[in-house]
Amino acid sequence: MPAHLHEQINRMIPWIATIVAALPCFYLSWILVNVWREPMAWDDGNWVRLGVGLLLLEFILLHSGAFMMGVLGQQKDRRQQFKGAIALLTFYSLMVWAFAKSLDTPALIWIFAGIILGRSLNLLLNPKDSKQAIMARSAIGVLFYLLVVFGTVFLPIPELGISSSVLNEVYPDRGGGLWEREPERAIAGAALYFFLIGLAEITMLRPSNNTSNTNNSND
């Protein structure tokens, strides 16, 4: 393979991984906005219940960054790092599968699979910057998460299509928590959160030119 073509491919792959990580976030955000507007048009209203659990699920997945950093920090051999990352990805994928299965929403499995796949590709393609990338992604995720949760609790959020009659039909056994009593708060917060995460993937977390040049010189 010509050297210039090899260099171009090396520059493109991290960007492809970035897009793979960002697009599912934007897609999930788009779905949640539409669920907020027309809840019955999405899995007969099942996404209303799902929206309440999404932020709780993301809180669990945010912890995966710390575990991933531990795996990459303890193992210097790239093959061992890969095995550790696969083990963690399998564990968190099973969590997502169980969550989606309980709510009968298989689309969630593919959305989160795309998010996790893109993040993992970024880490595996840039192993020298993996720790910094994980720390940055975890910090940004926690910051956005706290801001969104704060907003869902204290800001006025319209119900749009999630009326009391819709809730009685699709979520009759809801509990007494704020997000359960007013699911539009959780759904609006999740929509904003995943949009911000997708935006961060292609701006603050995107691969730098310096990283690409360093990787090419090492090749």
N, C-alpha and C. Protein backbone atom coordinates (compact mmCIF):
# COMPACT_ATOMS: atom_id res chain seq x y z
N MET A 1 0.85 -1.19 0.00
CA MET A 1 0.00 0.00 0.00
C MET A 1 0.89 1.25 0.00
N PRO A 2 0.60 2.24 -0.88
CA PRO A 2 1.40 3.46 -0.90
C PRO A 2 1.37 4.17 0.45
N ALA A 3 2.49 4.82 0.77
CA ALA A 3 2.62 5.46 2.09
C ALA A 3 1.58 6.55 2.29
N HIS A 4 1.31 7.36 1.23
CA HIS A 4 0.35 8.45 1.39
C HIS A 4 -1.07 7.93 1.61
N LEU A 5 -1.41 6.79 0.98
CA LEU A 5 -2.74 6.21 1.18
C LEU A 5 -2.87 5.64 2.58
N HIS A 6 -1.81 5.00 3.05
CA HIS A 6 -1.79 4.47 4.41
C HIS A 6 -1.96 5.60 5.42
N GLU A 7 -1.32 6.73 5.16
CA GLU A 7 -1.43 7.88 6.05
C GLU A 7 -2.85 8.43 6.06
N GLN A 8 -3.47 8.51 4.89
CA GLN A 8 -4.84 9.01 4.81
C GLN A 8 -5.81 8.10 5.56
N ILE A 9 -5.61 6.80 5.42
CA ILE A 9 -6.48 5.85 6.12
C ILE A 9 -6.32 6.00 7.62
N ASN A 10 -5.07 6.16 8.08
CA ASN A 10 -4.83 6.33 9.51
C ASN A 10 -5.49 7.59 10.05
N ARG A 11 -5.57 8.62 9.21
CA ARG A 11 -6.23 9.85 9.64
C ARG A 11 -7.75 9.73 9.64
N MET A 12 -8.27 8.91 8.73
CA MET A 12 -9.72 8.77 8.60
C MET A 12 -10.33 7.89 9.68
N ILE A 13 -9.62 6.84 10.08
CA ILE A 13 -10.20 5.87 11.00
C ILE A 13 -10.64 6.49 12.33
N PRO A 14 -9.81 7.33 12.98
CA PRO A 14 -10.29 7.95 14.23
C PRO A 14 -11.52 8.82 14.03
N TRP A 15 -11.61 9.48 12.88
CA TRP A 15 -12.78 10.31 12.61
C TRP A 15 -14.01 9.44 12.39
N ILE A 16 -13.84 8.31 11.73
CA ILE A 16 -14.96 7.38 11.55
C ILE A 16 -15.45 6.88 12.90
N ALA A 17 -14.52 6.57 13.79
CA ALA A 17 -14.87 6.12 15.14
C ALA A 17 -15.62 7.22 15.88
N THR A 18 -15.20 8.47 15.70
CA THR A 18 -15.87 9.60 16.34
C THR A 18 -17.31 9.72 15.85
N ILE A 19 -17.50 9.60 14.55
CA ILE A 19 -18.85 9.69 13.98
C ILE A 19 -19.72 8.53 14.46
N VAL A 20 -19.12 7.33 14.54
CA VAL A 20 -19.85 6.16 15.03
C VAL A 20 -20.31 6.38 16.46
N ALA A 21 -19.50 7.07 17.26
CA ALA A 21 -19.86 7.35 18.65
C ALA A 21 -20.91 8.45 18.75
N ALA A 22 -20.85 9.44 17.87
CA ALA A 22 -21.73 10.61 17.97
C ALA A 22 -23.12 10.36 17.39
N LEU A 23 -23.20 9.68 16.25
CA LEU A 23 -24.49 9.52 15.57
C LEU A 23 -25.55 8.82 16.42
N PRO A 24 -25.24 7.73 17.13
CA PRO A 24 -26.28 7.12 17.97
C PRO A 24 -26.78 8.06 19.06
N CYS A 25 -25.90 8.93 19.58
CA CYS A 25 -26.32 9.91 20.59
C CYS A 25 -27.32 10.89 19.99
N PHE A 26 -27.00 11.41 18.81
CA PHE A 26 -27.92 12.33 18.14
C PHE A 26 -29.23 11.63 17.79
N TYR A 27 -29.14 10.39 17.34
CA TYR A 27 -30.34 9.65 16.96
C TYR A 27 -31.23 9.41 18.18
N LEU A 28 -30.63 9.02 19.30
CA LEU A 28 -31.39 8.80 20.52
C LEU A 28 -32.02 10.10 21.00
N SER A 29 -31.30 11.19 20.91
CA SER A 29 -31.84 12.50 21.29
C SER A 29 -33.04 12.85 20.42
N TRP A 30 -32.94 12.59 19.12
CA TRP A 30 -34.03 12.87 18.19
C TRP A 30 -35.27 12.03 18.53
N ILE A 31 -35.05 10.75 18.84
CA ILE A 31 -36.16 9.88 19.21
C ILE A 31 -36.86 10.41 20.46
N LEU A 32 -36.09 10.80 21.46
CA LEU A 32 -36.67 11.25 22.73
C LEU A 32 -37.47 12.54 22.55
N VAL A 33 -36.99 13.44 21.70
CA VAL A 33 -37.76 14.66 21.43
C VAL A 33 -39.10 14.30 20.80
N ASN A 34 -39.09 13.36 19.88
CA ASN A 34 -40.32 12.95 19.23
C ASN A 34 -41.24 12.18 20.18
N VAL A 35 -40.66 11.40 21.09
CA VAL A 35 -41.46 10.72 22.11
C VAL A 35 -42.13 11.75 23.00
N TRP A 36 -41.42 12.78 23.34
CA TRP A 36 -41.95 13.88 24.15
C TRP A 36 -43.15 14.53 23.45
N ARG A 37 -43.06 14.69 22.14
CA ARG A 37 -44.11 15.35 21.37
C ARG A 37 -45.28 14.40 21.05
N GLU A 38 -44.95 13.18 20.62
CA GLU A 38 -45.97 12.22 20.21
C GLU A 38 -45.65 10.85 20.81
N PRO A 39 -45.92 10.66 22.07
CA PRO A 39 -45.50 9.43 22.76
C PRO A 39 -46.12 8.16 22.20
N MET A 40 -47.36 8.21 21.74
CA MET A 40 -48.03 7.01 21.27
C MET A 40 -47.51 6.53 19.92
N ALA A 41 -46.76 7.36 19.23
CA ALA A 41 -46.23 6.99 17.91
C ALA A 41 -44.98 6.12 18.02
N TRP A 42 -44.48 5.90 19.23
CA TRP A 42 -43.24 5.15 19.42
C TRP A 42 -43.51 3.94 20.32
N ASP A 43 -43.53 2.77 19.69
CA ASP A 43 -43.77 1.52 20.41
C ASP A 43 -45.01 1.59 21.30
N ASP A 44 -46.05 2.22 20.78
CA ASP A 44 -47.33 2.33 21.50
C ASP A 44 -47.16 2.93 22.90
N GLY A 45 -46.25 3.87 23.01
CA GLY A 45 -46.06 4.57 24.28
C GLY A 45 -45.05 3.95 25.21
N ASN A 46 -44.42 2.84 24.81
CA ASN A 46 -43.45 2.19 25.69
C ASN A 46 -42.23 3.06 25.98
N TRP A 47 -41.93 3.99 25.05
CA TRP A 47 -40.76 4.84 25.25
C TRP A 47 -40.96 5.86 26.36
N VAL A 48 -42.19 6.08 26.80
CA VAL A 48 -42.41 6.96 27.95
C VAL A 48 -41.80 6.35 29.20
N ARG A 49 -42.08 5.07 29.40
CA ARG A 49 -41.48 4.36 30.53
C ARG A 49 -39.97 4.26 30.37
N LEU A 50 -39.54 4.04 29.14
CA LEU A 50 -38.11 3.91 28.86
C LEU A 50 -37.36 5.20 29.18
N GLY A 51 -37.98 6.34 28.84
CA GLY A 51 -37.31 7.62 29.07
C GLY A 51 -36.96 7.85 30.53
N VAL A 52 -37.81 7.34 31.42
CA VAL A 52 -37.54 7.50 32.85
C VAL A 52 -36.30 6.72 33.26
N GLY A 53 -36.12 5.54 32.66
CA GLY A 53 -34.98 4.71 33.03
C GLY A 53 -33.69 5.04 32.33
N LEU A 54 -33.77 5.82 31.23
CA LEU A 54 -32.57 6.09 30.45
C LEU A 54 -31.51 6.84 31.25
N LEU A 55 -31.93 7.86 31.97
CA LEU A 55 -30.96 8.63 32.75
C LEU A 55 -30.38 7.78 33.88
N LEU A 56 -31.19 6.90 34.45
CA LEU A 56 -30.68 6.01 35.49
C LEU A 56 -29.67 5.03 34.90
N LEU A 57 -29.97 4.52 33.70
CA LEU A 57 -29.04 3.61 33.04
C LEU A 57 -27.74 4.32 32.69
N GLU A 58 -27.82 5.55 32.22
CA GLU A 58 -26.62 6.30 31.86
C GLU A 58 -25.75 6.56 33.09
N PHE A 59 -26.39 6.76 34.24
CA PHE A 59 -25.64 6.94 35.48
C PHE A 59 -24.76 5.72 35.75
N ILE A 60 -25.31 4.53 35.47
CA ILE A 60 -24.53 3.30 35.65
C ILE A 60 -23.42 3.23 34.62
N LEU A 61 -23.74 3.55 33.37
CA LEU A 61 -22.74 3.45 32.31
C LEU A 61 -21.61 4.46 32.48
N LEU A 62 -21.88 5.58 33.13
CA LEU A 62 -20.82 6.55 33.38
C LEU A 62 -19.71 5.94 34.22
N HIS A 63 -20.08 4.99 35.07
CA HIS A 63 -19.07 4.35 35.89
C HIS A 63 -18.14 3.46 35.07
N SER A 64 -18.58 3.08 33.87
CA SER A 64 -17.74 2.21 33.05
C SER A 64 -16.43 2.88 32.68
N GLY A 65 -16.44 4.22 32.63
CA GLY A 65 -15.21 4.94 32.31
C GLY A 65 -14.12 4.68 33.34
N ALA A 66 -14.51 4.70 34.61
CA ALA A 66 -13.52 4.45 35.67
C ALA A 66 -12.98 3.03 35.59
N PHE A 67 -13.87 2.07 35.33
CA PHE A 67 -13.42 0.68 35.21
C PHE A 67 -12.52 0.50 34.00
N MET A 68 -12.89 1.14 32.89
CA MET A 68 -12.09 1.03 31.67
C MET A 68 -10.70 1.62 31.88
N MET A 69 -10.64 2.75 32.60
CA MET A 69 -9.35 3.38 32.86
C MET A 69 -8.48 2.47 33.72
N GLY A 70 -9.10 1.76 34.66
CA GLY A 70 -8.36 0.82 35.48
C GLY A 70 -7.77 -0.31 34.67
N VAL A 71 -8.56 -0.82 33.73
CA VAL A 71 -8.10 -1.91 32.88
C VAL A 71 -6.93 -1.46 32.02
N LEU A 72 -7.07 -0.30 31.39
CA LEU A 72 -6.02 0.19 30.51
C LEU A 72 -4.78 0.60 31.29
N GLY A 73 -4.97 1.02 32.54
CA GLY A 73 -3.83 1.44 33.33
C GLY A 73 -3.02 0.28 33.87
N GLN A 74 -3.70 -0.81 34.21
CA GLN A 74 -3.02 -1.96 34.78
C GLN A 74 -2.31 -2.81 33.73
N GLN A 75 -2.86 -2.83 32.52
CA GLN A 75 -2.30 -3.67 31.47
C GLN A 75 -1.55 -2.80 30.45
N LYS A 76 -0.24 -3.02 30.33
CA LYS A 76 0.55 -2.26 29.36
C LYS A 76 0.53 -2.93 27.99
N ASP A 77 0.33 -4.22 27.97
CA ASP A 77 0.27 -4.93 26.70
C ASP A 77 -1.06 -4.66 26.02
N ARG A 78 -1.01 -4.30 24.74
CA ARG A 78 -2.23 -3.92 24.03
C ARG A 78 -3.20 -5.09 23.91
N ARG A 79 -2.67 -6.29 23.79
CA ARG A 79 -3.54 -7.46 23.68
C ARG A 79 -4.32 -7.66 24.98
N GLN A 80 -3.66 -7.47 26.10
CA GLN A 80 -4.33 -7.59 27.39
C GLN A 80 -5.35 -6.48 27.59
N GLN A 81 -5.01 -5.28 27.11
CA GLN A 81 -5.96 -4.18 27.18
C GLN A 81 -7.22 -4.51 26.38
N PHE A 82 -7.00 -5.10 25.21
CA PHE A 82 -8.13 -5.45 24.35
C PHE A 82 -9.02 -6.48 25.03
N LYS A 83 -8.42 -7.49 25.65
CA LYS A 83 -9.20 -8.52 26.33
C LYS A 83 -9.99 -7.93 27.50
N GLY A 84 -9.34 -7.04 28.26
CA GLY A 84 -10.03 -6.42 29.38
C GLY A 84 -11.18 -5.54 28.92
N ALA A 85 -10.95 -4.80 27.83
CA ALA A 85 -12.00 -3.94 27.30
C ALA A 85 -13.18 -4.77 26.80
N ILE A 86 -12.90 -5.89 26.14
CA ILE A 86 -13.97 -6.76 25.64
C ILE A 86 -14.79 -7.32 26.81
N ALA A 87 -14.11 -7.69 27.89
CA ALA A 87 -14.82 -8.22 29.06
C ALA A 87 -15.77 -7.18 29.65
N LEU A 88 -15.28 -5.94 29.77
CA LEU A 88 -16.12 -4.89 30.31
C LEU A 88 -17.27 -4.56 29.37
N LEU A 89 -16.98 -4.51 28.07
CA LEU A 89 -18.02 -4.22 27.10
C LEU A 89 -19.11 -5.29 27.13
N THR A 90 -18.71 -6.54 27.30
CA THR A 90 -19.68 -7.63 27.39
C THR A 90 -20.57 -7.45 28.61
N PHE A 91 -19.95 -7.09 29.73
CA PHE A 91 -20.71 -6.90 30.97
C PHE A 91 -21.74 -5.78 30.83
N TYR A 92 -21.30 -4.63 30.33
CA TYR A 92 -22.22 -3.50 30.20
C TYR A 92 -23.24 -3.73 29.09
N SER A 93 -22.87 -4.47 28.06
CA SER A 93 -23.84 -4.80 27.01
C SER A 93 -24.95 -5.68 27.56
N LEU A 94 -24.61 -6.60 28.45
CA LEU A 94 -25.63 -7.44 29.08
C LEU A 94 -26.57 -6.61 29.94
N MET A 95 -26.03 -5.57 30.60
CA MET A 95 -26.87 -4.68 31.40
C MET A 95 -27.87 -3.96 30.50
N VAL A 96 -27.39 -3.44 29.39
CA VAL A 96 -28.27 -2.74 28.45
C VAL A 96 -29.30 -3.69 27.88
N TRP A 97 -28.86 -4.91 27.53
CA TRP A 97 -29.79 -5.90 26.97
C TRP A 97 -30.90 -6.22 27.97
N ALA A 98 -30.54 -6.42 29.23
CA ALA A 98 -31.54 -6.75 30.24
C ALA A 98 -32.52 -5.59 30.43
N PHE A 99 -31.99 -4.37 30.41
CA PHE A 99 -32.84 -3.19 30.57
C PHE A 99 -33.80 -3.06 29.40
N ALA A 100 -33.30 -3.21 28.17
CA ALA A 100 -34.14 -3.10 26.99
C ALA A 100 -35.15 -4.24 26.92
N LYS A 101 -34.72 -5.44 27.32
CA LYS A 101 -35.62 -6.59 27.30
C LYS A 101 -36.77 -6.41 28.27
N SER A 102 -36.49 -5.86 29.44
CA SER A 102 -37.54 -5.68 30.44
C SER A 102 -38.60 -4.69 29.97
N LEU A 103 -38.20 -3.74 29.12
CA LEU A 103 -39.13 -2.75 28.60
C LEU A 103 -39.61 -3.06 27.19
N ASP A 104 -39.17 -4.20 26.66
CA ASP A 104 -39.57 -4.64 25.33
C ASP A 104 -39.26 -3.58 24.27
N THR A 105 -38.04 -3.03 24.33
CA THR A 105 -37.61 -2.01 23.37
C THR A 105 -36.25 -2.40 22.81
N PRO A 106 -36.21 -3.32 21.84
CA PRO A 106 -34.92 -3.81 21.31
C PRO A 106 -34.11 -2.74 20.60
N ALA A 107 -34.74 -1.65 20.13
CA ALA A 107 -33.99 -0.60 19.44
C ALA A 107 -32.94 0.00 20.34
N LEU A 108 -33.20 0.01 21.64
CA LEU A 108 -32.24 0.59 22.59
C LEU A 108 -30.92 -0.17 22.58
N ILE A 109 -30.98 -1.48 22.35
CA ILE A 109 -29.76 -2.29 22.33
C ILE A 109 -28.83 -1.81 21.23
N TRP A 110 -29.37 -1.58 20.03
CA TRP A 110 -28.54 -1.16 18.90
C TRP A 110 -28.03 0.26 19.07
N ILE A 111 -28.84 1.12 19.68
CA ILE A 111 -28.40 2.51 19.90
C ILE A 111 -27.22 2.55 20.85
N PHE A 112 -27.33 1.87 21.99
CA PHE A 112 -26.24 1.87 22.94
C PHE A 112 -25.04 1.09 22.43
N ALA A 113 -25.30 0.06 21.62
CA ALA A 113 -24.19 -0.68 21.02
C ALA A 113 -23.36 0.24 20.14
N GLY A 114 -24.03 1.09 19.37
CA GLY A 114 -23.30 2.04 18.53
C GLY A 114 -22.50 3.04 19.35
N ILE A 115 -23.10 3.52 20.44
CA ILE A 115 -22.40 4.48 21.31
C ILE A 115 -21.15 3.84 21.91
N ILE A 116 -21.32 2.66 22.48
CA ILE A 116 -20.20 1.98 23.13
C ILE A 116 -19.14 1.57 22.12
N LEU A 117 -19.57 1.12 20.93
CA LEU A 117 -18.62 0.71 19.89
C LEU A 117 -17.75 1.89 19.47
N GLY A 118 -18.36 3.04 19.24
CA GLY A 118 -17.59 4.20 18.83
C GLY A 118 -16.60 4.65 19.89
N ARG A 119 -17.02 4.64 21.13
CA ARG A 119 -16.12 5.04 22.22
C ARG A 119 -14.96 4.05 22.32
N SER A 120 -15.26 2.77 22.19
CA SER A 120 -14.21 1.76 22.30
C SER A 120 -13.22 1.85 21.15
N LEU A 121 -13.73 2.11 19.95
CA LEU A 121 -12.84 2.26 18.79
C LEU A 121 -11.87 3.42 19.00
N ASN A 122 -12.38 4.52 19.53
CA ASN A 122 -11.52 5.67 19.79
C ASN A 122 -10.40 5.31 20.75
N LEU A 123 -10.72 4.54 21.77
CA LEU A 123 -9.71 4.18 22.78
C LEU A 123 -8.69 3.19 22.22
N LEU A 124 -9.16 2.22 21.45
CA LEU A 124 -8.27 1.20 20.92
C LEU A 124 -7.39 1.74 19.80
N LEU A 125 -7.89 2.72 19.06
CA LEU A 125 -7.12 3.30 17.96
C LEU A 125 -6.09 4.31 18.44
N ASN A 126 -6.32 4.85 19.64
CA ASN A 126 -5.38 5.82 20.21
C ASN A 126 -4.98 5.39 21.61
N PRO A 127 -4.28 4.28 21.75
CA PRO A 127 -3.97 3.73 23.06
C PRO A 127 -3.12 4.65 23.92
N LYS A 128 -2.27 5.47 23.30
CA LYS A 128 -1.41 6.36 24.09
C LYS A 128 -2.23 7.45 24.79
N ASP A 129 -3.36 7.82 24.18
CA ASP A 129 -4.20 8.86 24.76
C ASP A 129 -5.44 8.29 25.44
N SER A 130 -5.46 6.96 25.65
CA SER A 130 -6.68 6.32 26.14
C SER A 130 -7.06 6.81 27.53
N LYS A 131 -6.06 6.92 28.43
CA LYS A 131 -6.37 7.35 29.79
C LYS A 131 -6.95 8.76 29.79
N GLN A 132 -6.30 9.67 29.03
CA GLN A 132 -6.78 11.04 28.98
C GLN A 132 -8.17 11.11 28.36
N ALA A 133 -8.41 10.28 27.33
CA ALA A 133 -9.72 10.28 26.68
C ALA A 133 -10.80 9.79 27.62
N ILE A 134 -10.51 8.74 28.37
CA ILE A 134 -11.49 8.21 29.32
C ILE A 134 -11.78 9.22 30.41
N MET A 135 -10.73 9.86 30.93
CA MET A 135 -10.91 10.86 31.98
C MET A 135 -11.73 12.04 31.47
N ALA A 136 -11.42 12.49 30.25
CA ALA A 136 -12.14 13.62 29.68
C ALA A 136 -13.60 13.26 29.44
N ARG A 137 -13.84 12.07 28.88
CA ARG A 137 -15.22 11.65 28.59
C ARG A 137 -16.01 11.47 29.88
N SER A 138 -15.39 10.91 30.90
CA SER A 138 -16.08 10.73 32.18
C SER A 138 -16.40 12.07 32.82
N ALA A 139 -15.43 12.99 32.79
CA ALA A 139 -15.65 14.31 33.39
C ALA A 139 -16.76 15.07 32.67
N ILE A 140 -16.71 15.05 31.35
CA ILE A 140 -17.75 15.74 30.57
C ILE A 140 -19.11 15.10 30.79
N GLY A 141 -19.14 13.76 30.81
CA GLY A 141 -20.39 13.05 31.03
C GLY A 141 -21.00 13.37 32.38
N VAL A 142 -20.18 13.36 33.43
CA VAL A 142 -20.67 13.67 34.77
C VAL A 142 -21.16 15.11 34.85
N LEU A 143 -20.42 16.05 34.26
CA LEU A 143 -20.81 17.45 34.28
C LEU A 143 -22.16 17.65 33.59
N PHE A 144 -22.30 17.11 32.38
CA PHE A 144 -23.57 17.22 31.65
C PHE A 144 -24.70 16.53 32.42
N TYR A 145 -24.39 15.39 33.01
CA TYR A 145 -25.40 14.63 33.73
C TYR A 145 -25.94 15.43 34.91
N LEU A 146 -25.04 16.01 35.68
CA LEU A 146 -25.46 16.79 36.85
C LEU A 146 -26.26 18.02 36.44
N LEU A 147 -25.83 18.69 35.37
CA LEU A 147 -26.56 19.86 34.90
C LEU A 147 -27.97 19.48 34.42
N VAL A 148 -28.06 18.37 33.70
CA VAL A 148 -29.36 17.93 33.18
C VAL A 148 -30.29 17.52 34.33
N VAL A 149 -29.77 16.76 35.28
CA VAL A 149 -30.59 16.34 36.43
C VAL A 149 -31.08 17.56 37.20
N PHE A 150 -30.19 18.53 37.40
CA PHE A 150 -30.58 19.77 38.08
C PHE A 150 -31.71 20.45 37.31
N GLY A 151 -31.60 20.50 36.00
CA GLY A 151 -32.62 21.15 35.18
C GLY A 151 -33.95 20.43 35.24
N THR A 152 -33.92 19.09 35.25
CA THR A 152 -35.18 18.34 35.29
C THR A 152 -35.90 18.51 36.62
N VAL A 153 -35.17 18.86 37.66
CA VAL A 153 -35.78 19.01 38.98
C VAL A 153 -36.32 20.42 39.20
N PHE A 154 -35.57 21.42 38.76
CA PHE A 154 -35.89 22.80 39.15
C PHE A 154 -36.48 23.67 38.04
N LEU A 155 -36.34 23.25 36.78
CA LEU A 155 -36.85 24.09 35.69
C LEU A 155 -38.25 23.66 35.28
N PRO A 156 -39.10 24.61 34.85
CA PRO A 156 -40.43 24.24 34.34
C PRO A 156 -40.30 23.57 32.97
N ILE A 157 -40.88 22.41 32.83
CA ILE A 157 -40.79 21.64 31.58
C ILE A 157 -42.21 21.28 31.14
N PRO A 158 -42.61 21.69 29.94
CA PRO A 158 -43.97 21.39 29.46
C PRO A 158 -44.16 19.90 29.20
N GLU A 159 -45.38 19.44 29.35
CA GLU A 159 -45.65 18.02 29.12
C GLU A 159 -45.79 17.66 27.65
N LEU A 160 -46.07 18.64 26.78
CA LEU A 160 -46.30 18.42 25.35
C LEU A 160 -47.31 17.28 25.16
N GLY A 161 -46.88 16.17 24.56
CA GLY A 161 -47.85 15.10 24.29
C GLY A 161 -48.04 14.12 25.43
N ILE A 162 -47.26 14.25 26.49
CA ILE A 162 -47.33 13.28 27.59
C ILE A 162 -48.36 13.77 28.60
N SER A 163 -49.62 13.63 28.25
CA SER A 163 -50.71 14.09 29.09
C SER A 163 -51.04 13.04 30.15
N SER A 164 -51.89 13.41 31.10
CA SER A 164 -52.27 12.48 32.17
C SER A 164 -53.02 11.28 31.60
N SER A 165 -53.82 11.49 30.56
CA SER A 165 -54.54 10.36 29.96
C SER A 165 -53.58 9.38 29.30
N VAL A 166 -52.53 9.90 28.65
CA VAL A 166 -51.52 9.04 28.04
C VAL A 166 -50.78 8.26 29.12
N LEU A 167 -50.43 8.93 30.21
CA LEU A 167 -49.71 8.26 31.29
C LEU A 167 -50.55 7.15 31.91
N ASN A 168 -51.83 7.40 32.09
CA ASN A 168 -52.71 6.37 32.67
C ASN A 168 -52.80 5.15 31.76
N GLU A 169 -52.59 5.36 30.46
CA GLU A 169 -52.68 4.24 29.52
C GLU A 169 -51.37 3.48 29.41
N VAL A 170 -50.24 4.19 29.33
CA VAL A 170 -48.96 3.53 29.04
C VAL A 170 -48.10 3.34 30.29
N TYR A 171 -48.41 4.03 31.37
CA TYR A 171 -47.57 3.94 32.56
C TYR A 171 -48.45 3.98 33.81
N PRO A 172 -49.40 3.07 33.92
CA PRO A 172 -50.36 3.13 35.03
C PRO A 172 -49.75 2.77 36.39
N ASP A 173 -48.67 1.99 36.38
CA ASP A 173 -48.08 1.52 37.63
C ASP A 173 -46.88 2.36 38.05
N ARG A 174 -46.82 3.61 37.57
CA ARG A 174 -45.68 4.46 37.90
C ARG A 174 -45.66 4.77 39.39
N GLY A 175 -44.43 5.01 39.89
CA GLY A 175 -44.26 5.30 41.31
C GLY A 175 -44.49 6.76 41.63
N GLY A 176 -44.03 7.15 42.80
CA GLY A 176 -44.28 8.51 43.27
C GLY A 176 -43.10 9.46 43.09
N GLY A 177 -42.01 8.99 42.46
CA GLY A 177 -40.87 9.87 42.24
C GLY A 177 -41.17 10.95 41.22
N LEU A 178 -40.38 12.01 41.22
CA LEU A 178 -40.62 13.14 40.33
C LEU A 178 -40.60 12.71 38.87
N TRP A 179 -39.59 11.95 38.47
CA TRP A 179 -39.49 11.52 37.08
C TRP A 179 -40.61 10.56 36.70
N GLU A 180 -41.10 9.80 37.65
CA GLU A 180 -42.20 8.88 37.36
C GLU A 180 -43.53 9.61 37.29
N ARG A 181 -43.72 10.58 38.16
CA ARG A 181 -44.95 11.36 38.12
C ARG A 181 -45.01 12.28 36.91
N GLU A 182 -43.83 12.78 36.50
CA GLU A 182 -43.75 13.69 35.35
C GLU A 182 -42.65 13.20 34.41
N PRO A 183 -42.93 12.16 33.64
CA PRO A 183 -41.90 11.57 32.77
C PRO A 183 -41.34 12.53 31.73
N GLU A 184 -42.09 13.57 31.40
CA GLU A 184 -41.58 14.53 30.42
C GLU A 184 -40.28 15.18 30.91
N ARG A 185 -40.10 15.27 32.21
CA ARG A 185 -38.87 15.84 32.76
C ARG A 185 -37.67 14.93 32.44
N ALA A 186 -37.84 13.65 32.68
CA ALA A 186 -36.75 12.71 32.40
C ALA A 186 -36.49 12.61 30.91
N ILE A 187 -37.54 12.60 30.10
CA ILE A 187 -37.38 12.46 28.66
C ILE A 187 -36.71 13.69 28.07
N ALA A 188 -37.14 14.87 28.50
CA ALA A 188 -36.51 16.11 28.02
C ALA A 188 -35.05 16.17 28.46
N GLY A 189 -34.79 15.77 29.71
CA GLY A 189 -33.42 15.78 30.21
C GLY A 189 -32.54 14.80 29.46
N ALA A 190 -33.05 13.59 29.18
CA ALA A 190 -32.27 12.60 28.44
C ALA A 190 -32.00 13.06 27.02
N ALA A 191 -33.00 13.68 26.38
CA ALA A 191 -32.81 14.20 25.02
C ALA A 191 -31.69 15.23 24.98
N LEU A 192 -31.70 16.15 25.94
CA LEU A 192 -30.65 17.18 26.00
C LEU A 192 -29.30 16.55 26.32
N TYR A 193 -29.28 15.62 27.24
CA TYR A 193 -28.02 14.99 27.65
C TYR A 193 -27.34 14.30 26.48
N PHE A 194 -28.07 13.46 25.76
CA PHE A 194 -27.45 12.71 24.67
C PHE A 194 -27.08 13.61 23.49
N PHE A 195 -27.83 14.70 23.31
CA PHE A 195 -27.43 15.66 22.29
C PHE A 195 -26.10 16.31 22.66
N LEU A 196 -25.94 16.70 23.92
CA LEU A 196 -24.70 17.32 24.37
C LEU A 196 -23.53 16.34 24.28
N ILE A 197 -23.78 15.08 24.62
CA ILE A 197 -22.72 14.07 24.53
C ILE A 197 -22.30 13.87 23.08
N GLY A 198 -23.27 13.80 22.18
CA GLY A 198 -22.94 13.67 20.75
C GLY A 198 -22.15 14.86 20.26
N LEU A 199 -22.54 16.05 20.71
CA LEU A 199 -21.82 17.26 20.32
C LEU A 199 -20.40 17.24 20.86
N ALA A 200 -20.24 16.76 22.09
CA ALA A 200 -18.90 16.68 22.68
C ALA A 200 -18.01 15.69 21.94
N GLU A 201 -18.61 14.61 21.44
CA GLU A 201 -17.83 13.60 20.72
C GLU A 201 -17.17 14.19 19.47
N ILE A 202 -17.85 15.11 18.80
CA ILE A 202 -17.30 15.65 17.55
C ILE A 202 -16.60 16.99 17.74
N THR A 203 -16.55 17.48 18.98
CA THR A 203 -15.86 18.75 19.25
C THR A 203 -14.76 18.55 20.28
N MET A 204 -15.13 18.50 21.54
CA MET A 204 -14.14 18.41 22.61
C MET A 204 -13.41 17.07 22.65
N LEU A 205 -14.08 15.99 22.25
CA LEU A 205 -13.49 14.65 22.36
C LEU A 205 -12.98 14.12 21.03
N ARG A 206 -13.06 14.90 19.97
CA ARG A 206 -12.60 14.42 18.66
C ARG A 206 -11.08 14.28 18.65
N PRO A 207 -10.56 13.40 17.82
CA PRO A 207 -9.10 13.23 17.75
C PRO A 207 -8.43 14.47 17.20
N SER A 208 -7.33 14.85 17.81
CA SER A 208 -6.60 16.03 17.36
C SER A 208 -5.65 15.68 16.23
N ASN A 209 -5.25 16.70 15.50
CA ASN A 209 -4.28 16.49 14.43
C ASN A 209 -2.95 16.01 14.97
N ASN A 210 -2.61 16.49 16.17
CA ASN A 210 -1.34 16.07 16.77
C ASN A 210 -1.33 14.59 17.07
N THR A 211 -2.52 14.08 17.53
CA THR A 211 -2.62 12.65 17.81
C THR A 211 -2.46 11.83 16.56
N SER A 212 -3.13 12.28 15.47
CA SER A 212 -3.03 11.54 14.21
C SER A 212 -1.62 11.53 13.68
N ASN A 213 -0.94 12.69 13.76
CA ASN A 213 0.43 12.76 13.28
C ASN A 213 1.37 11.89 14.10
N THR A 214 1.10 11.83 15.41
CA THR A 214 1.94 11.00 16.28
C THR A 214 1.77 9.53 15.94
N ASN A 215 0.50 9.12 15.73
CA ASN A 215 0.24 7.73 15.40
C ASN A 215 0.87 7.36 14.06
N ASN A 216 0.83 8.29 13.08
CA ASN A 216 1.40 8.00 11.78
C ASN A 216 2.91 7.87 11.85
N SER A 217 3.55 8.73 12.67
CA SER A 217 5.00 8.68 12.77
C SER A 217 5.44 7.39 13.45
N ASN A 218 4.59 6.88 14.40
CA ASN A 218 4.92 5.63 15.07
C ASN A 218 4.79 4.46 14.13
N ASP A 219 3.84 4.56 13.15
CA ASP A 219 3.71 3.49 12.17
C ASP A 219 4.92 3.41 11.27
